[in-house]
Amino acid sequence: MAGFNLLILSISFCVFQSAAQSHQEGGSLKCVSDYKSTLSCAWNTTGKLRESSCRLHFTWTVSRRQKKLQRSETCELQDSPSDPLMQSCSVIAGGNQKWQTFTSITVITSRVKCGNSSQDAANITFKPSENVKMHPPFAPSIVDSTNITWSLNQSLISVYLQERVFQIRFKRKEKSWEDARVISEFRGQEWTRLNEKWLEQDAVYETQVRVKPRVHAGEWSEWSPVTEWRSQVGN
C-alpha cells in the first residue's frame, strides 16, 4: 500500500492538466492514473457546496469473453489543509493495486456528487492511457560519492509503460530545492555519474529522482524520498 499512499499524496492538493481528448463540465476536476489500477482526482470547488459532503463516482466498461461489463468505484473527497477550495481522493480499481485493470481503450467517467443532489457538481471523461502519473521511484542509492542508482517498484508499473524517462536533482543539504542542479532525461537508464567538479569534498548533499512515461501522454511523478550522503570527492 506504500506506493498507493505516495500517489494519493502526490495528487491530493494539485490540479492536473488533462489530455486534450478529455471532456469535463462543472469546473476544475482533473484526474490522473498510474495506467494500471489507481485513479486519482482533484477538484477545485470554487467555494461551492461547502456545506455538503461530496463523493467521486468512477465508471468504465470492460470486455470479458465478448461481453461488456460495467465497473465502478467511489471515494470520499477530502479537504486540502493548505487550500480550502481543493478536495481530492483516490481509488484502486478492483481493490488490487497489482492488477493490470486498464488498457489503451479504457475510458473513465468521473462524477462529483454532493449531498442529496441528483445533479453532478462536476464531471470529466478521460483515458488513463493519456493522463498518466506514475508512482515515484524508490530513494536513490549512492556509491563512491558520484554514482547514483535508482529503481522502481515493479509491482506498481503498468505493462504498457516499459519505456520511461528519469530526472534527478541534487543539492547541498543546507540549500533549497529551488537551488538544486537538475539532470535529465535518462531514457530507461537507472543510473548516472556526477561530475566531481559539481561536488565539494566533505560537504553533505541530498538527491531525489522522478519518472514519467516516454511514449504515453503524462506528467512527472512526484520526487522520490531523499537520499543524503557526504561527498568524499570534489574541490
Protein backbone atom coordinates (compact mmCIF):
# COMPACT_ATOMS: atom_id res chain seq x y z
CA MET A 1 0.00 0.00 0.00
CA ALA A 2 3.02 2.32 0.30
CA GLY A 3 3.01 3.10 -3.41
CA PHE A 4 -0.70 3.87 -3.34
CA ASN A 5 -0.23 6.22 -0.40
CA LEU A 6 2.52 8.04 -2.27
CA LEU A 7 0.25 8.54 -5.25
CA ILE A 8 -2.52 9.85 -3.03
CA LEU A 9 -0.09 12.36 -1.56
CA SER A 10 1.11 13.35 -4.99
CA ILE A 11 -2.34 14.31 -6.25
CA SER A 12 -4.04 15.33 -3.07
CA PHE A 13 -3.86 19.05 -3.44
CA CYS A 14 -2.71 19.70 -7.00
CA VAL A 15 -4.77 20.48 -10.09
CA PHE A 16 -3.59 18.45 -13.07
CA GLN A 17 -3.69 19.21 -16.76
CA SER A 18 -5.78 16.57 -18.52
CA ALA A 19 -5.30 15.38 -22.07
CA ALA A 20 -6.88 17.25 -24.95
CA GLN A 21 -9.27 14.35 -25.53
CA SER A 22 -10.77 14.70 -22.04
CA HIS A 23 -14.13 16.38 -21.64
CA GLN A 24 -15.39 17.97 -18.46
CA GLU A 25 -18.21 20.03 -17.05
CA GLY A 26 -18.67 21.86 -13.78
CA GLY A 27 -15.26 23.40 -13.17
CA SER A 28 -11.76 22.18 -12.45
CA LEU A 29 -11.94 18.43 -11.96
CA LYS A 30 -8.63 16.90 -13.02
CA CYS A 31 -7.74 13.21 -12.96
CA VAL A 32 -4.64 11.07 -13.43
CA SER A 33 -3.92 7.35 -13.33
CA ASP A 34 -0.91 5.08 -12.96
CA TYR A 35 -2.34 3.31 -16.06
CA LYS A 36 -2.61 0.14 -14.04
CA SER A 37 -5.27 0.22 -11.32
CA THR A 38 -5.15 3.56 -9.49
CA LEU A 39 -7.34 6.59 -10.25
CA SER A 40 -6.78 9.95 -8.55
CA CYS A 41 -8.71 13.20 -8.94
CA ALA A 42 -8.50 16.72 -7.55
CA TRP A 43 -11.43 19.14 -7.66
CA ASN A 44 -11.35 22.90 -7.33
CA THR A 45 -14.72 23.51 -5.70
CA THR A 46 -14.60 27.28 -6.37
CA GLY A 47 -16.19 27.70 -2.95
CA LYS A 48 -19.43 25.95 -3.88
CA LEU A 49 -21.22 23.28 -1.88
CA ARG A 50 -19.01 23.69 1.15
CA GLU A 51 -21.86 22.63 3.43
CA SER A 52 -22.25 19.26 1.69
CA SER A 53 -20.04 16.19 1.72
CA CYS A 54 -19.03 15.14 -1.78
CA ARG A 55 -18.01 11.84 -3.35
CA LEU A 56 -16.35 10.86 -6.59
CA HIS A 57 -18.00 8.15 -8.68
CA PHE A 58 -15.85 6.42 -11.31
CA THR A 59 -17.40 4.23 -14.01
CA TRP A 60 -15.94 2.38 -17.00
CA THR A 61 -16.62 -0.60 -19.23
CA VAL A 62 -14.50 -3.74 -19.56
CA SER A 63 -14.77 -6.58 -22.07
CA ARG A 64 -14.86 -10.16 -20.79
CA ARG A 65 -15.38 -13.06 -23.19
CA GLN A 66 -17.17 -10.89 -25.74
CA LYS A 67 -19.32 -9.32 -23.02
CA LYS A 68 -19.18 -5.72 -21.89
CA LEU A 69 -19.33 -5.26 -18.14
CA GLN A 70 -19.78 -2.03 -16.22
CA ARG A 71 -17.33 -1.35 -13.40
CA SER A 72 -17.44 1.37 -10.76
CA GLU A 73 -15.59 2.71 -7.72
CA THR A 74 -16.26 5.57 -5.30
CA CYS A 75 -14.28 7.61 -2.82
CA GLU A 76 -14.99 10.42 -0.37
CA LEU A 77 -13.47 13.75 -1.36
CA GLN A 78 -11.19 15.15 1.32
CA ASP A 79 -10.33 18.78 2.02
CA SER A 80 -6.85 20.15 1.47
CA PRO A 81 -5.21 21.53 4.64
CA SER A 82 -3.38 24.11 2.52
CA ASP A 83 -6.11 25.18 0.08
CA PRO A 84 -9.72 25.46 1.32
CA LEU A 85 -11.06 25.26 -2.24
CA MET A 86 -9.41 21.94 -3.11
CA GLN A 87 -10.70 18.42 -2.49
CA SER A 88 -9.29 15.11 -3.71
CA CYS A 89 -9.35 11.34 -3.38
CA SER A 90 -8.02 8.14 -4.96
CA VAL A 91 -9.24 4.60 -5.57
CA ILE A 92 -7.72 1.27 -6.53
CA ALA A 93 -9.93 -0.28 -9.19
CA GLY A 94 -10.92 -3.79 -8.19
CA GLY A 95 -9.19 -3.37 -4.84
CA ASN A 96 -5.90 -4.88 -6.03
CA GLN A 97 -3.08 -2.50 -6.83
CA LYS A 98 -1.12 -5.17 -8.69
CA TRP A 99 -3.81 -6.00 -11.25
CA GLN A 100 -3.48 -4.55 -14.74
CA THR A 101 -7.01 -3.16 -14.84
CA PHE A 102 -6.81 -0.51 -17.55
CA THR A 103 -6.00 -0.82 -21.26
CA SER A 104 -5.48 1.64 -24.10
CA ILE A 105 -9.22 1.67 -24.85
CA THR A 106 -10.40 2.20 -21.27
CA VAL A 107 -12.43 5.39 -20.86
CA ILE A 108 -13.26 6.60 -17.35
CA THR A 109 -16.18 8.82 -16.42
CA SER A 110 -15.70 10.59 -13.10
CA ARG A 111 -18.62 12.41 -11.45
CA VAL A 112 -18.75 14.53 -8.32
CA LYS A 113 -21.94 14.11 -6.30
CA CYS A 114 -22.62 16.31 -3.28
CA GLY A 115 -25.20 15.81 -0.54
CA ASN A 116 -28.54 14.52 -1.80
CA SER A 117 -28.35 16.27 -5.15
CA SER A 118 -29.01 14.16 -8.24
CA GLN A 119 -27.01 16.60 -10.36
CA ASP A 120 -23.28 16.31 -10.97
CA ALA A 121 -21.33 19.07 -9.25
CA ALA A 122 -18.61 18.32 -11.81
CA ASN A 123 -17.72 15.53 -14.22
CA ILE A 124 -14.95 14.54 -16.57
CA THR A 125 -14.35 11.77 -19.11
CA PHE A 126 -10.74 10.72 -19.67
CA LYS A 127 -8.49 7.85 -20.74
CA PRO A 128 -5.96 6.52 -18.21
CA SER A 129 -3.54 5.92 -21.09
CA GLU A 130 -3.49 9.65 -21.86
CA ASN A 131 -3.37 11.01 -18.31
CA VAL A 132 -0.50 9.07 -16.74
CA LYS A 133 1.24 9.87 -13.49
CA MET A 134 3.49 7.06 -12.32
CA HIS A 135 4.40 6.17 -8.76
CA PRO A 136 7.71 7.74 -7.69
CA PRO A 137 10.89 5.63 -7.66
CA PHE A 138 12.48 4.29 -4.51
CA ALA A 139 15.05 6.50 -2.78
CA PRO A 140 18.29 6.56 -4.82
CA SER A 141 21.48 4.81 -3.73
CA ILE A 142 24.91 6.48 -3.70
CA VAL A 143 28.19 4.65 -4.40
CA ASP A 144 31.62 6.31 -4.16
CA SER A 145 30.04 9.77 -3.81
CA THR A 146 29.38 10.20 -7.54
CA ASN A 147 27.46 7.12 -8.73
CA ILE A 148 23.69 7.41 -8.28
CA THR A 149 21.40 4.46 -8.97
CA TRP A 150 17.65 4.08 -8.55
CA SER A 151 14.82 1.64 -9.19
CA LEU A 152 11.04 1.40 -9.44
CA ASN A 153 8.54 -0.74 -7.61
CA GLN A 154 7.92 -3.15 -10.47
CA SER A 155 4.64 -4.42 -9.00
CA LEU A 156 3.14 -0.92 -9.45
CA ILE A 157 4.20 -0.38 -13.07
CA SER A 158 1.73 -0.81 -15.90
CA VAL A 159 2.70 -3.41 -18.51
CA TYR A 160 2.18 -0.63 -21.07
CA LEU A 161 4.78 1.69 -19.53
CA GLN A 162 8.01 -0.11 -20.33
CA GLU A 163 9.56 2.98 -21.94
CA ARG A 164 10.33 5.59 -19.32
CA VAL A 165 12.48 8.65 -18.73
CA PHE A 166 14.02 9.77 -15.45
CA GLN A 167 15.21 13.03 -13.99
CA ILE A 168 17.40 13.57 -10.93
CA ARG A 169 18.21 16.59 -8.83
CA PHE A 170 20.78 17.15 -6.11
CA LYS A 171 21.88 19.97 -3.83
CA ARG A 172 23.86 20.85 -0.74
CA LYS A 173 21.83 19.85 2.30
CA GLU A 174 21.55 23.41 3.60
CA LYS A 175 20.29 24.74 0.26
CA SER A 176 16.72 24.93 -1.03
CA TRP A 177 15.47 22.51 -3.69
CA GLU A 178 14.95 25.58 -5.84
CA ASP A 179 18.75 25.81 -5.99
CA ALA A 180 19.21 22.15 -6.93
CA ARG A 181 21.02 21.04 -10.07
CA VAL A 182 18.61 19.08 -12.28
CA ILE A 183 19.87 16.44 -14.69
CA SER A 184 17.59 14.92 -17.32
CA GLU A 185 16.48 12.94 -19.19
CA PHE A 186 17.65 9.36 -18.84
CA ARG A 187 15.76 7.08 -21.23
CA GLY A 188 15.35 3.80 -19.41
CA GLN A 189 18.68 4.35 -17.67
CA GLU A 190 18.55 3.87 -13.91
CA TRP A 191 21.94 5.30 -13.00
CA THR A 192 24.14 8.33 -13.55
CA ARG A 193 27.57 9.55 -12.56
CA LEU A 194 28.01 13.05 -11.17
CA ASN A 195 30.87 15.23 -12.31
CA GLU A 196 33.31 15.63 -9.42
CA LYS A 197 33.57 19.32 -10.29
CA TRP A 198 29.98 19.72 -9.09
CA LEU A 199 30.89 18.50 -5.60
CA GLU A 200 32.83 19.80 -2.64
CA GLN A 201 34.75 17.35 -0.53
CA ASP A 202 33.22 16.62 2.90
CA ALA A 203 30.04 18.55 2.05
CA VAL A 204 26.66 16.88 2.67
CA TYR A 205 24.33 16.52 -0.32
CA GLU A 206 20.77 15.35 -0.94
CA THR A 207 19.31 13.81 -4.08
CA GLN A 208 15.95 12.67 -5.48
CA VAL A 209 14.69 11.09 -8.70
CA ARG A 210 11.37 11.09 -10.58
CA VAL A 211 9.93 9.30 -13.61
CA LYS A 212 7.43 9.75 -16.41
CA PRO A 213 6.31 7.67 -19.41
CA ARG A 214 8.24 8.27 -22.62
CA VAL A 215 5.53 7.27 -25.10
CA HIS A 216 2.20 7.86 -23.37
CA ALA A 217 0.90 11.32 -22.51
CA GLY A 218 1.50 12.13 -18.89
CA GLU A 219 3.48 14.11 -16.37
CA TRP A 220 6.37 13.64 -13.97
CA SER A 221 5.79 11.54 -10.89
CA GLU A 222 6.38 13.07 -7.51
CA TRP A 223 10.01 13.13 -6.43
CA SER A 224 11.30 10.02 -4.66
CA PRO A 225 12.28 10.02 -1.00
CA VAL A 226 15.51 11.90 -0.30
CA THR A 227 18.90 10.21 -0.06
CA GLU A 228 21.67 12.03 1.81
CA TRP A 229 25.43 11.49 1.53
CA ARG A 230 28.73 13.11 2.45
CA SER A 231 30.99 13.57 -0.55
CA GLN A 232 34.44 12.02 -0.40
CA VAL A 233 35.48 13.74 -3.62
CA GLY A 234 35.35 17.20 -5.10
CA ASN A 235 37.09 20.53 -4.82
